[in-house]
C-alpha atoms as a PDB file:
ATOM      1  CA  LEU A   1       4.928  22.869 -25.674  1.00  0.00           C
ATOM      2  CA  THR A   2       1.658  24.789 -25.866  1.00  0.00           C
ATOM      3  CA  ALA A   3       0.572  24.338 -29.487  1.00  0.00           C
ATOM      4  CA  GLY A   4       1.067  22.021 -32.419  1.00  0.00           C
ATOM      5  CA  LYS A   5       1.996  18.371 -32.165  1.00  0.00           C
ATOM      6  CA  SER A   6       5.024  16.296 -31.339  1.00  0.00           C
ATOM      7  CA  PHE A   7       5.637  12.646 -32.112  1.00  0.00           C
ATOM      8  CA  ASN A   8       7.807  10.814 -29.611  1.00  0.00           C
ATOM      9  CA  ALA A   9       8.789   7.906 -31.914  1.00  0.00           C
ATOM     10  CA  ASP A  10       9.130   5.762 -28.770  1.00  0.00           C
ATOM     11  CA  GLY A  11      12.258   7.664 -27.805  1.00  0.00           C
ATOM     12  CA  ARG A  12      13.563   9.101 -24.554  1.00  0.00           C
ATOM     13  CA  ILE A  13      13.873  12.682 -23.348  1.00  0.00           C
ATOM     14  CA  THR A  14      16.633  13.322 -20.787  1.00  0.00           C
ATOM     15  CA  LEU A  15      16.637  16.477 -18.673  1.00  0.00           C
ATOM     16  CA  GLU A  16      20.023  17.603 -17.345  1.00  0.00           C
ATOM     17  CA  GLY A  17      21.406  20.839 -15.953  1.00  0.00           C
ATOM     18  CA  ASN A  18      21.716  22.957 -12.838  1.00  0.00           C
ATOM     19  CA  PHE A  19      18.372  24.805 -12.897  1.00  0.00           C
ATOM     20  CA  THR A  20      14.773  24.905 -11.701  1.00  0.00           C
ATOM     21  CA  SER A  21      12.306  24.769 -14.562  1.00  0.00           C
ATOM     22  CA  TYR A  22       8.695  24.116 -15.451  1.00  0.00           C
ATOM     23  CA  ILE A  23       7.419  21.382 -17.724  1.00  0.00           C
ATOM     24  CA  GLN A  24       4.450  22.697 -19.682  1.00  0.00           C
ATOM     25  CA  TRP A  25       3.176  20.228 -22.246  1.00  0.00           C
ATOM     26  CA  ASP A  26      -0.452  20.993 -22.886  1.00  0.00           C
ATOM     27  CA  THR A  27      -1.378  17.733 -24.623  1.00  0.00           C
ATOM     28  CA  THR A  28       0.528  14.624 -23.617  1.00  0.00           C
ATOM     29  CA  ALA A  29      -1.822  11.847 -24.672  1.00  0.00           C
ATOM     30  CA  GLY A  30      -0.370   9.050 -26.816  1.00  0.00           C
ATOM     31  CA  ASP A  31       2.481   9.912 -29.191  1.00  0.00           C
ATOM     32  CA  ASN A  32       2.029  13.611 -28.558  1.00  0.00           C
ATOM     33  CA  GLY A  33       3.580  13.303 -25.094  1.00  0.00           C
ATOM     34  CA  PRO A  34       6.938  11.913 -23.986  1.00  0.00           C
ATOM     35  CA  HIS A  35       7.510   8.197 -24.378  1.00  0.00           C
ATOM     36  CA  ASN A  36      10.295   7.725 -21.800  1.00  0.00           C
ATOM     37  CA  LEU A  37      11.347  10.614 -19.553  1.00  0.00           C
ATOM     38  CA  ARG A  38      14.599  10.677 -17.579  1.00  0.00           C
ATOM     39  CA  LEU A  39      15.981  13.195 -15.059  1.00  0.00           C
ATOM     40  CA  ASN A  40      19.740  12.940 -14.593  1.00  0.00           C
ATOM     41  CA  ASP A  41      21.256  15.897 -12.738  1.00  0.00           C
ATOM     42  CA  ALA A  42      21.409  16.266  -8.966  1.00  0.00           C
ATOM     43  CA  ASN A  43      20.921  20.046  -9.282  1.00  0.00           C
ATOM     44  CA  LEU A  44      17.825  19.810 -11.479  1.00  0.00           C
ATOM     45  CA  HIS A  45      14.344  20.619 -10.108  1.00  0.00           C
ATOM     46  CA  ALA A  46      11.607  20.065 -12.696  1.00  0.00           C
ATOM     47  CA  LYS A  47       8.021  21.102 -11.866  1.00  0.00           C
ATOM     48  CA  LEU A  48       4.842  20.146 -13.703  1.00  0.00           C
ATOM     49  CA  ARG A  49       2.874  23.142 -14.916  1.00  0.00           C
ATOM     50  CA  THR A  50       0.291  20.976 -16.695  1.00  0.00           C
ATOM     51  CA  PRO A  51      -0.924  17.412 -16.130  1.00  0.00           C
ATOM     52  CA  MET A  52       1.399  14.913 -17.786  1.00  0.00           C
ATOM     53  CA  THR A  53       1.014  11.466 -19.306  1.00  0.00           C
ATOM     54  CA  ILE A  54       4.195   9.530 -20.017  1.00  0.00           C
ATOM     55  CA  GLU A  55       3.603   6.795 -22.555  1.00  0.00           C
ATOM     56  CA  GLY A  56       6.522   4.680 -21.371  1.00  0.00           C
ATOM     57  CA  ASP A  57       8.729   4.859 -18.278  1.00  0.00           C
ATOM     58  CA  LEU A  58       9.795   7.598 -15.869  1.00  0.00           C
ATOM     59  CA  VAL A  59      13.348   7.304 -14.533  1.00  0.00           C
ATOM     60  CA  ILE A  60      14.732   9.763 -11.984  1.00  0.00           C
ATOM     61  CA  ASP A  61      18.415   8.895 -11.716  1.00  0.00           C
ATOM     62  CA  ALA A  62      19.213  12.250 -10.101  1.00  0.00           C
ATOM     63  CA  GLY A  63      17.424  15.531  -9.441  1.00  0.00           C
ATOM     64  CA  ARG A  64      13.815  16.177  -8.490  1.00  0.00           C
ATOM     65  CA  LEU A  65      10.443  15.956 -10.227  1.00  0.00           C
ATOM     66  CA  ASN A  66       7.682  17.872  -8.463  1.00  0.00           C
ATOM     67  CA  THR A  67       3.971  17.700  -9.386  1.00  0.00           C
ATOM     68  CA  GLN A  68       3.448  21.170  -7.894  1.00  0.00           C
ATOM     69  CA  TYR A  69       4.878  24.266  -9.560  1.00  0.00           C
ATOM     70  CA  ASP A  70       3.606  27.295  -7.622  1.00  0.00           C
ATOM     71  CA  GLY A  71       3.020  26.104  -4.077  1.00  0.00           C
ATOM     72  CA  THR A  72      -0.718  25.452  -4.505  1.00  0.00           C
ATOM     73  CA  ASP A  73      -1.448  23.943  -7.932  1.00  0.00           C
ATOM     74  CA  HIS A  74      -0.981  20.166  -7.991  1.00  0.00           C
ATOM     75  CA  LYS A  75      -0.862  18.476 -11.398  1.00  0.00           C
ATOM     76  CA  ASP A  76      -1.812  14.880 -12.112  1.00  0.00           C
ATOM     77  CA  LEU A  77       0.808  12.456 -13.387  1.00  0.00           C
ATOM     78  CA  THR A  78       0.215   9.226 -15.325  1.00  0.00           C
ATOM     79  CA  VAL A  79       3.090   6.906 -16.203  1.00  0.00           C
ATOM     80  CA  THR A  80       1.947   3.987 -18.327  1.00  0.00           C
ATOM     81  CA  GLY A  81       5.224   2.159 -17.708  1.00  0.00           C
ATOM     82  CA  TYR A  82       7.287   1.861 -14.564  1.00  0.00           C
ATOM     83  CA  CYS A  83       8.643   4.628 -12.348  1.00  0.00           C
ATOM     84  CA  ASP A  84      12.227   4.090 -11.150  1.00  0.00           C
ATOM     85  CA  VAL A  85      13.548   6.594  -8.599  1.00  0.00           C
ATOM     86  CA  THR A  86      17.051   7.191  -7.275  1.00  0.00           C
ATOM     87  CA  GLY A  87      16.587  10.960  -6.985  1.00  0.00           C
ATOM     88  CA  THR A  88      13.497  12.732  -5.634  1.00  0.00           C
ATOM     89  CA  LEU A  89       9.834  12.427  -6.615  1.00  0.00           C
ATOM     90  CA  THR A  90       7.422  14.806  -4.860  1.00  0.00           C
ATOM     91  CA  LEU A  91       3.790  13.832  -5.460  1.00  0.00           C
ATOM     92  CA  ASN A  92       2.034  16.386  -3.199  1.00  0.00           C
ATOM     93  CA  THR A  93      -1.777  15.998  -3.374  1.00  0.00           C
ATOM     94  CA  SER A  94      -1.770  14.962  -7.035  1.00  0.00           C
ATOM     95  CA  THR A  95      -3.592  12.017  -8.564  1.00  0.00           C
ATOM     96  CA  VAL A  96      -0.786   9.749  -9.737  1.00  0.00           C
ATOM     97  CA  SER A  97      -0.786   6.442 -11.575  1.00  0.00           C
ATOM     98  CA  VAL A  98       2.248   4.339 -12.473  1.00  0.00           C
ATOM     99  CA  ALA A  99       2.585   0.748 -13.612  1.00  0.00           C
ATOM    100  CA  ALA A 100       4.911   0.111 -10.678  1.00  0.00           C
ATOM    101  CA  LEU A 101       7.234   2.067  -8.394  1.00  0.00           C
ATOM    102  CA  ARG A 102      10.807   1.177  -7.466  1.00  0.00           C
ATOM    103  CA  CYS A 103      12.680   3.272  -4.890  1.00  0.00           C
ATOM    104  CA  LYS A 104      16.409   2.669  -4.998  1.00  0.00           C
ATOM    105  CA  SER A 105      18.873   3.417  -2.227  1.00  0.00           C
ATOM    106  CA  GLY A 106      19.059   7.168  -1.678  1.00  0.00           C
ATOM    107  CA  ALA A 107      15.641   7.882  -3.196  1.00  0.00           C
ATOM    108  CA  ALA A 108      13.076  10.264  -1.710  1.00  0.00           C
ATOM    109  CA  VAL A 109       9.406   9.783  -2.635  1.00  0.00           C
ATOM    110  CA  THR A 110       6.774  11.766  -0.725  1.00  0.00           C
ATOM    111  CA  GLN A 111       3.006  12.148  -0.952  1.00  0.00           C
ATOM    112  CA  ASP A 112       0.617  14.356   1.029  1.00  0.00           C
ATOM    113  CA  ALA A 113      -2.334  13.013   3.013  1.00  0.00           C
ATOM    114  CA  THR A 114      -4.944  13.729   0.318  1.00  0.00           C
ATOM    115  CA  GLY A 115      -2.850  12.492  -2.606  1.00  0.00           C
ATOM    116  CA  THR A 116      -3.549   9.220  -4.394  1.00  0.00           C
ATOM    117  CA  LEU A 117      -1.151   6.761  -5.989  1.00  0.00           C
ATOM    118  CA  ALA A 118      -2.283   3.869  -8.183  1.00  0.00           C
ATOM    119  CA  LEU A 119       0.149   0.996  -8.781  1.00  0.00           C
ATOM    120  CA  ALA A 120      -1.673  -0.093 -11.876  1.00  0.00           C
ATOM    121  CA  THR A 121      -0.167  -3.041 -13.743  1.00  0.00           C
ATOM    122  CA  GLY A 122       3.112  -4.155 -12.160  1.00  0.00           C
ATOM    123  CA  SER A 123       6.552  -4.374 -13.748  1.00  0.00           C
ATOM    124  CA  ASN A 124       9.876  -6.198 -13.634  1.00  0.00           C
ATOM    125  CA  PHE A 125      11.539  -2.842 -14.400  1.00  0.00           C
ATOM    126  CA  GLY A 126      12.904  -3.664 -17.801  1.00  0.00           C
ATOM    127  CA  GLY A 127      13.944  -7.172 -16.796  1.00  0.00           C
ATOM    128  CA  THR A 128      16.137  -5.979 -13.902  1.00  0.00           C
ATOM    129  CA  GLU A 129      13.897  -7.783 -11.391  1.00  0.00           C
ATOM    130  CA  GLY A 130      13.117 -11.473 -11.453  1.00  0.00           C
ATOM    131  CA  SER A 131       9.409 -10.911 -10.779  1.00  0.00           C
ATOM    132  CA  ALA A 132       6.751  -8.276 -11.345  1.00  0.00           C
ATOM    133  CA  TYR A 133       6.377  -5.842  -8.444  1.00  0.00           C
ATOM    134  CA  SER A 134       3.789  -3.197  -7.691  1.00  0.00           C
ATOM    135  CA  LEU A 135       6.138  -1.563  -5.162  1.00  0.00           C
ATOM    136  CA  ARG A 136       9.812  -2.441  -4.737  1.00  0.00           C
ATOM    137  CA  ASN A 137      11.380  -0.306  -2.020  1.00  0.00           C
ATOM    138  CA  LEU A 138      15.134  -0.831  -1.839  1.00  0.00           C
ATOM    139  CA  ASP A 139      15.700   2.297   0.247  1.00  0.00           C
ATOM    140  CA  GLY A 140      13.712   1.546   3.391  1.00  0.00           C
ATOM    141  CA  THR A 141      14.261   4.925   5.063  1.00  0.00           C
ATOM    142  CA  SER A 142      11.673   7.507   6.106  1.00  0.00           C
ATOM    143  CA  ASP A 143      12.496   9.379   2.878  1.00  0.00           C
ATOM    144  CA  ILE A 144       9.916   7.059   1.321  1.00  0.00           C
ATOM    145  CA  ASN A 145       6.654   8.441   2.719  1.00  0.00           C
ATOM    146  CA  LEU A 146       3.441   7.546   0.906  1.00  0.00           C
ATOM    147  CA  GLY A 147       1.197   9.622   3.130  1.00  0.00           C
ATOM    148  CA  GLY A 148      -1.991   9.483   1.055  1.00  0.00           C
ATOM    149  CA  THR A 149      -3.956   6.551  -0.346  1.00  0.00           C
ATOM    150  CA  THR A 150      -2.154   3.898  -2.370  1.00  0.00           C
ATOM    151  CA  THR A 151      -4.136   1.425  -4.484  1.00  0.00           C
ATOM    152  CA  VAL A 152      -2.282  -1.822  -5.170  1.00  0.00           C
ATOM    153  CA  THR A 153      -3.504  -3.454  -8.373  1.00  0.00           C
ATOM    154  CA  GLY A 154      -0.799  -4.820 -10.692  1.00  0.00           C
ATOM    155  CA  GLY A 155       2.175  -7.100 -10.110  1.00  0.00           C
ATOM    156  CA  SER A 156       2.886 -10.144  -7.976  1.00  0.00           C
ATOM    157  CA  TYR A 157       4.779  -8.664  -5.010  1.00  0.00           C
ATOM    158  CA  PHE A 158       4.397  -5.602  -2.756  1.00  0.00           C
ATOM    159  CA  GLU A 159       7.540  -4.685  -0.783  1.00  0.00           C
ATOM    160  CA  PRO A 160       7.206  -1.415   1.163  1.00  0.00           C
ATOM    161  CA  ARG A 161       9.951  -1.868   3.832  1.00  0.00           C
ATOM    162  CA  THR A 162       8.123  -0.157   6.676  1.00  0.00           C
ATOM    163  CA  ALA A 163       8.586  -0.323  10.462  1.00  0.00           C
ATOM    164  CA  THR A 164       9.578  -2.140  12.530  1.00  0.00           C
ATOM    165  CA  VAL A 165      12.432  -3.540  10.477  1.00  0.00           C
ATOM    166  CA  TYR A 166      12.746  -0.464   8.230  1.00  0.00           C
ATOM    167  CA  ALA A 167      11.374   3.087   8.406  1.00  0.00           C
ATOM    168  CA  SER A 168       9.418   3.850   5.235  1.00  0.00           C
ATOM    169  CA  VAL A 169       5.827   5.057   5.657  1.00  0.00           C
ATOM    170  CA  LEU A 170       2.454   3.942   4.300  1.00  0.00           C
ATOM    171  CA  ASN A 171      -0.863   5.580   5.161  1.00  0.00           C
ATOM    172  CA  ASN A 172      -4.043   4.194   3.565  1.00  0.00           C
ATOM    173  CA  ILE A 173      -3.887   1.053   1.415  1.00  0.00           C
ATOM    174  CA  VAL A 174      -6.539  -0.274  -0.964  1.00  0.00           C
ATOM    175  CA  TRP A 175      -5.672  -3.837  -1.974  1.00  0.00           C
ATOM    176  CA  ASN A 176      -7.038  -4.482  -5.446  1.00  0.00           C
ATOM    177  CA  SER A 177      -4.997  -7.525  -6.386  1.00  0.00           C
ATOM    178  CA  GLY A 178      -4.176 -11.118  -5.541  1.00  0.00           C
ATOM    179  CA  GLN A 179      -0.500 -10.469  -4.913  1.00  0.00           C
ATOM    180  CA  TYR A 180       1.836 -11.249  -2.016  1.00  0.00           C
ATOM    181  CA  TRP A 181       3.230  -8.896   0.578  1.00  0.00           C
ATOM    182  CA  VAL A 182       6.985  -9.006   1.242  1.00  0.00           C
ATOM    183  CA  GLY A 183       8.553  -8.491   4.663  1.00  0.00           C
ATOM    184  CA  GLU A 184       6.893  -6.715   7.570  1.00  0.00           C
ATOM    185  CA  ILE A 185       4.246  -4.067   6.880  1.00  0.00           C
ATOM    186  CA  ARG A 186       3.034  -1.198   9.046  1.00  0.00           C
ATOM    187  CA  ILE A 187       0.074   0.754   7.618  1.00  0.00           C
ATOM    188  CA  GLY A 188      -0.445   4.040   9.434  1.00  0.00           C
ATOM    189  CA  GLY A 189      -4.029   4.501   8.229  1.00  0.00           C
ATOM    190  CA  THR A 190      -6.610   2.018   6.973  1.00  0.00           C
ATOM    191  CA  LEU A 191      -6.560  -1.169   4.913  1.00  0.00           C
ATOM    192  CA  VAL A 192      -9.352  -2.167   2.515  1.00  0.00           C
ATOM    193  CA  VAL A 193      -9.200  -5.430   0.562  1.00  0.00           C
ATOM    194  CA  ASN A 194     -11.537  -5.181  -2.418  1.00  0.00           C
ATOM    195  CA  ALA A 195     -14.089  -7.811  -3.408  1.00  0.00           C
ATOM    196  CA  ALA A 196     -12.660 -10.933  -5.080  1.00  0.00           C
ATOM    197  CA  LYS A 197      -9.093  -9.820  -4.252  1.00  0.00           C
ATOM    198  CA  HIS A 198      -6.615 -11.558  -1.972  1.00  0.00           C
ATOM    199  CA  MET A 199      -3.838 -10.154   0.212  1.00  0.00           C
ATOM    200  CA  GLN A 200      -1.717 -13.193   0.908  1.00  0.00           C
ATOM    201  CA  PRO A 201       1.620 -14.317   2.377  1.00  0.00           C
ATOM    202  CA  TYR A 202       4.463 -16.378   1.005  1.00  0.00           C
ATOM    203  CA  GLY A 203       7.783 -17.498   2.505  1.00  0.00           C
ATOM    204  CA  GLY A 204       9.093 -13.939   2.818  1.00  0.00           C
ATOM    205  CA  SER A 205       6.022 -12.454   4.490  1.00  0.00           C
ATOM    206  CA  LYS A 206       6.150 -11.142   8.054  1.00  0.00           C
ATOM    207  CA  ASN A 207       3.811  -9.447  10.524  1.00  0.00           C
ATOM    208  CA  VAL A 208       1.224  -6.842   9.487  1.00  0.00           C
ATOM    209  CA  THR A 209       0.174  -3.881  11.649  1.00  0.00           C
ATOM    210  CA  VAL A 210      -2.700  -1.598  10.628  1.00  0.00           C
ATOM    211  CA  VAL A 211      -3.062   1.417  12.900  1.00  0.00           C
ATOM    212  CA  GLY A 212      -6.543   2.120  11.523  1.00  0.00           C
ATOM    213  CA  ALA A 213      -9.528   0.004  10.577  1.00  0.00           C
ATOM    214  CA  VAL A 214      -9.346  -3.097   8.365  1.00  0.00           C
ATOM    215  CA  THR A 215     -12.274  -3.743   6.016  1.00  0.00           C
ATOM    216  CA  LEU A 216     -12.410  -7.025   4.127  1.00  0.00           C
ATOM    217  CA  ASN A 217     -14.601  -7.248   1.062  1.00  0.00           C
ATOM    218  CA  GLY A 218     -12.124  -9.811  -0.257  1.00  0.00           C
ATOM    219  CA  GLN A 219      -9.649 -12.110   1.476  1.00  0.00           C
ATOM    220  CA  LEU A 220      -6.778 -11.466   3.890  1.00  0.00           C
ATOM    221  CA  SER A 221      -4.729 -14.556   4.714  1.00  0.00           C
ATOM    222  CA  ALA A 222      -2.144 -14.882   7.454  1.00  0.00           C
ATOM    223  CA  TYR A 223      -2.238 -18.657   7.024  1.00  0.00           C
ATOM    224  CA  PRO A 224      -0.670 -20.974   6.005  1.00  0.00           C
ATOM    225  CA  ASN A 225       2.241 -19.626   7.966  1.00  0.00           C
ATOM    226  CA  GLY A 226       5.053 -19.990   5.422  1.00  0.00           C
ATOM    227  CA  HIS A 227       7.606 -18.077   7.486  1.00  0.00           C
ATOM    228  CA  ALA A 228       8.563 -18.191  11.163  1.00  0.00           C
ATOM    229  CA  ASP A 229       8.293 -14.392  11.422  1.00  0.00           C
ATOM    230  CA  LEU A 230       4.611 -14.264  10.463  1.00  0.00           C
ATOM    231  CA  ASN A 231       3.023 -14.623  13.883  1.00  0.00           C
ATOM    232  CA  ASN A 232       1.140 -11.411  14.668  1.00  0.00           C
ATOM    233  CA  MET A 233      -1.540  -9.418  12.887  1.00  0.00           C
ATOM    234  CA  THR A 234      -2.571  -6.150  14.548  1.00  0.00           C
ATOM    235  CA  PHE A 235      -5.623  -4.049  13.595  1.00  0.00           C
ATOM    236  CA  ALA A 236      -7.533  -1.199  15.222  1.00  0.00           C
ATOM    237  CA  SER A 237     -10.732  -3.002  14.215  1.00  0.00           C
ATOM    238  CA  LEU A 238     -11.759  -5.704  11.764  1.00  0.00           C
ATOM    239  CA  THR A 239     -14.892  -5.730   9.593  1.00  0.00           C
ATOM    240  CA  ILE A 240     -15.508  -8.803   7.442  1.00  0.00           C
ATOM    241  CA  ASN A 241     -18.230  -8.036   4.935  1.00  0.00           C
ATOM    242  CA  THR A 242     -20.167 -10.479   2.777  1.00  0.00           C
ATOM    243  CA  GLY A 243     -17.685 -12.062   0.376  1.00  0.00           C
ATOM    244  CA  GLY A 244     -14.803 -11.221   2.701  1.00  0.00           C
ATOM    245  CA  THR A 245     -12.592 -13.716   4.547  1.00  0.00           C
ATOM    246  CA  TYR A 246     -10.009 -13.439   7.287  1.00  0.00           C
ATOM    247  CA  ALA A 247      -7.779 -16.507   7.608  1.00  0.00           C
ATOM    248  CA  ALA A 248      -6.109 -15.765  10.926  1.00  0.00           C
ATOM    249  CA  THR A 249      -2.525 -16.440  11.878  1.00  0.00           C
ATOM    250  CA  PRO A 250      -1.930 -19.474  14.121  1.00  0.00           C
ATOM    251  CA  GLY A 251      -0.210 -16.937  16.366  1.00  0.00           C
ATOM    252  CA  GLU A 252      -2.104 -13.871  17.609  1.00  0.00           C
ATOM    253  CA  THR A 253      -4.469 -11.352  16.058  1.00  0.00           C
ATOM    254  CA  SER A 254      -4.553  -8.206  18.209  1.00  0.00           C
ATOM    255  CA  ILE A 255      -7.485  -5.787  18.056  1.00  0.00           C
ATOM    256  CA  THR A 256      -6.328  -2.468  19.490  1.00  0.00           C
ATOM    257  CA  GLY A 257      -9.458  -0.312  19.098  1.00  0.00           C
ATOM    258  CA  ALA A 258     -12.907  -0.316  20.664  1.00  0.00           C
ATOM    259  CA  GLY A 259     -14.504  -1.193  17.312  1.00  0.00           C
ATOM    260  CA  GLY A 260     -13.576  -4.835  17.851  1.00  0.00           C
ATOM    261  CA  ILE A 261     -14.624  -7.422  15.280  1.00  0.00           C
ATOM    262  CA  ASN A 262     -17.678  -7.068  13.059  1.00  0.00           C
ATOM    263  CA  ARG A 263     -18.377 -10.158  10.956  1.00  0.00           C
ATOM    264  CA  ALA A 264     -20.950  -8.594   8.649  1.00  0.00           C
ATOM    265  CA  GLY A 265     -21.698 -11.682   6.587  1.00  0.00           C
ATOM    266  CA  GLY A 266     -18.106 -12.711   5.861  1.00  0.00           C
ATOM    267  CA  THR A 267     -15.948 -15.640   7.013  1.00  0.00           C
ATOM    268  CA  PHE A 268     -13.583 -15.847   9.984  1.00  0.00           C
ATOM    269  CA  THR A 269     -11.233 -18.857  10.193  1.00  0.00           C
ATOM    270  CA  HIS A 270      -9.237 -19.090  13.419  1.00  0.00           C
ATOM    271  CA  ASN A 271      -6.530 -21.610  12.357  1.00  0.00           C
ATOM    272  CA  ASN A 272      -5.953 -22.416  16.063  1.00  0.00           C
ATOM    273  CA  GLY A 273      -4.859 -18.852  16.697  1.00  0.00           C
ATOM    274  CA  THR A 274      -5.588 -16.334  19.455  1.00  0.00           C
ATOM    275  CA  VAL A 275      -7.623 -13.117  19.236  1.00  0.00           C
ATOM    276  CA  ASP A 276      -6.558 -10.514  21.798  1.00  0.00           C
ATOM    277  CA  PHE A 277      -8.743  -7.475  22.497  1.00  0.00           C
ATOM    278  CA  GLU A 278      -6.444  -4.769  23.833  1.00  0.00           C
ATOM    279  CA  ALA A 279      -8.765  -1.745  24.151  1.00  0.00           C
ATOM    280  CA  ALA A 280     -11.363  -1.027  26.802  1.00  0.00           C
ATOM    281  CA  THR A 281     -15.019  -1.617  25.863  1.00  0.00           C
ATOM    282  CA  THR A 282     -14.186  -3.728  22.815  1.00  0.00           C
ATOM    283  CA  VAL A 283     -17.241  -5.079  21.001  1.00  0.00           C
ATOM    284  CA  ILE A 284     -17.888  -8.378  19.230  1.00  0.00           C
ATOM    285  CA  GLN A 285     -20.800  -7.294  17.125  1.00  0.00           C
ATOM    286  CA  SER A 286     -23.195  -7.931  14.227  1.00  0.00           C
ATOM    287  CA  THR A 287     -23.481 -11.559  13.074  1.00  0.00           C
ATOM    288  CA  THR A 288     -22.572 -14.495  15.280  1.00  0.00           C
ATOM    289  CA  MET A 289     -19.088 -16.003  15.683  1.00  0.00           C
ATOM    290  CA  THR A 290     -20.220 -19.616  15.930  1.00  0.00           C
ATOM    291  CA  GLY A 291     -19.602 -22.913  14.181  1.00  0.00           C
ATOM    292  CA  SER A 292     -17.033 -22.585  11.397  1.00  0.00           C
ATOM    293  CA  ASN A 293     -16.611 -18.894  12.318  1.00  0.00           C
ATOM    294  CA  ALA A 294     -15.821 -19.584  15.970  1.00  0.00           C
ATOM    295  CA  PHE A 295     -12.895 -18.290  17.989  1.00  0.00           C
ATOM    296  CA  TYR A 296     -10.192 -20.696  19.122  1.00  0.00           C
ATOM    297  CA  ILE A 297      -8.630 -18.729  22.008  1.00  0.00           C
ATOM    298  CA  LEU A 298     -10.076 -15.389  23.069  1.00  0.00           C
ATOM    299  CA  LYS A 299      -8.490 -13.019  25.549  1.00  0.00           C
ATOM    300  CA  SER A 300      -8.251  -9.425  26.690  1.00  0.00           C
ATOM    301  CA  THR A 301      -5.010  -8.015  28.064  1.00  0.00           C
ATOM    302  CA  GLY A 302      -4.395  -5.562  30.887  1.00  0.00           C
ATOM    303  CA  GLN A 303      -7.494  -3.991  32.419  1.00  0.00           C
ATOM    304  CA  THR A 304      -9.614  -4.230  29.254  1.00  0.00           C
ATOM    305  CA  TRP A 305     -12.817  -6.135  28.686  1.00  0.00           C
ATOM    306  CA  TYR A 306     -14.945  -7.087  25.706  1.00  0.00           C
ATOM    307  CA  ARG A 307     -18.693  -6.897  25.243  1.00  0.00           C
ATOM    308  CA  ILE A 308     -20.406  -9.692  23.360  1.00  0.00           C
ATOM    309  CA  ASP A 309     -23.418  -8.504  21.357  1.00  0.00           C
ATOM    310  CA  GLN A 310     -24.078 -11.792  19.537  1.00  0.00           C
ATOM    311  CA  ASP A 311     -23.638 -15.522  20.085  1.00  0.00           C
ATOM    312  CA  ILE A 312     -20.059 -16.754  19.978  1.00  0.00           C
ATOM    313  CA  ASP A 313     -18.297 -20.114  20.223  1.00  0.00           C
ATOM    314  CA  ILE A 314     -14.831 -20.470  21.758  1.00  0.00           C
ATOM    315  CA  GLU A 315     -13.274 -23.828  20.942  1.00  0.00           C
ATOM    316  CA  ARG A 316     -10.548 -23.734  23.587  1.00  0.00           C
ATOM    317  CA  HIS A 317     -10.669 -21.021  26.265  1.00  0.00           C
ATOM    318  CA  ALA A 318     -11.129 -17.344  27.089  1.00  0.00           C
ATOM    319  CA  SER A 319      -9.272 -15.129  29.557  1.00  0.00           C
ATOM    320  CA  THR A 320      -9.080 -11.558  30.795  1.00  0.00           C
ATOM    321  CA  GLY A 321      -6.457  -9.451  32.546  1.00  0.00           C
END
């Protein structure tokens, strides 16, 4: 559709058939674009030739939707409603926004390292879920690979099903919400919690591993420990900026990188837990870790050591080796 106008009347367009085709819809804002779009043929490969806004929901029951049509040109995709995938969704390096994403068993959803995905408002997927999710991953395999930056804003629950229990992949996460994480999470890149936002556990929350740096402008809580499997939080480094808070697990917080802990005006609450510095030349830097921001148990494992650049209090003991 390259000229004129169309009015979707809040209806649904279903694409079926054994073919590879382009979707070119030059103006998709409001009623002029599709309301609900469905792909429903395993042999169908639909490629965006222009940026697309879907006013309602995107459902991929079978087949593939690709935001790239010629190998180099990546088109943006905005879905005001939810995105429900059983087939294949290839996001490439596109800028993508959906209300919420659900990956059913057998789905494949991939994103390149420079792509962005916004989970904007949350959804219960037409009433088929009992709560509003930002991400509901029912597949759990490595076919779900969000390799770019995902911003978590809407919904109440975030369920990515990553290692070590499952195999799906997250890279960089920006937490822009007060919602709960579900299960165990492994973030292959960085984690940023935005100001006045809260990444928090509930009874179904388990351990969190962040391979990269963690930056807290808001709050990350691993306490109260509502589940026996939430014992360990692992970060390459931890920066707690002004307005940020880390409520540590009563178990162990492991710092794996030399960047250590930087309490840059924020709040650290130990909750009788242990901080373990695992990398050589780890630094405790910037503002002091004293008084209400003190450590409870501090240790370094193996042959590592930590350098203390500011005053610290340790309420129980410290150890090395």
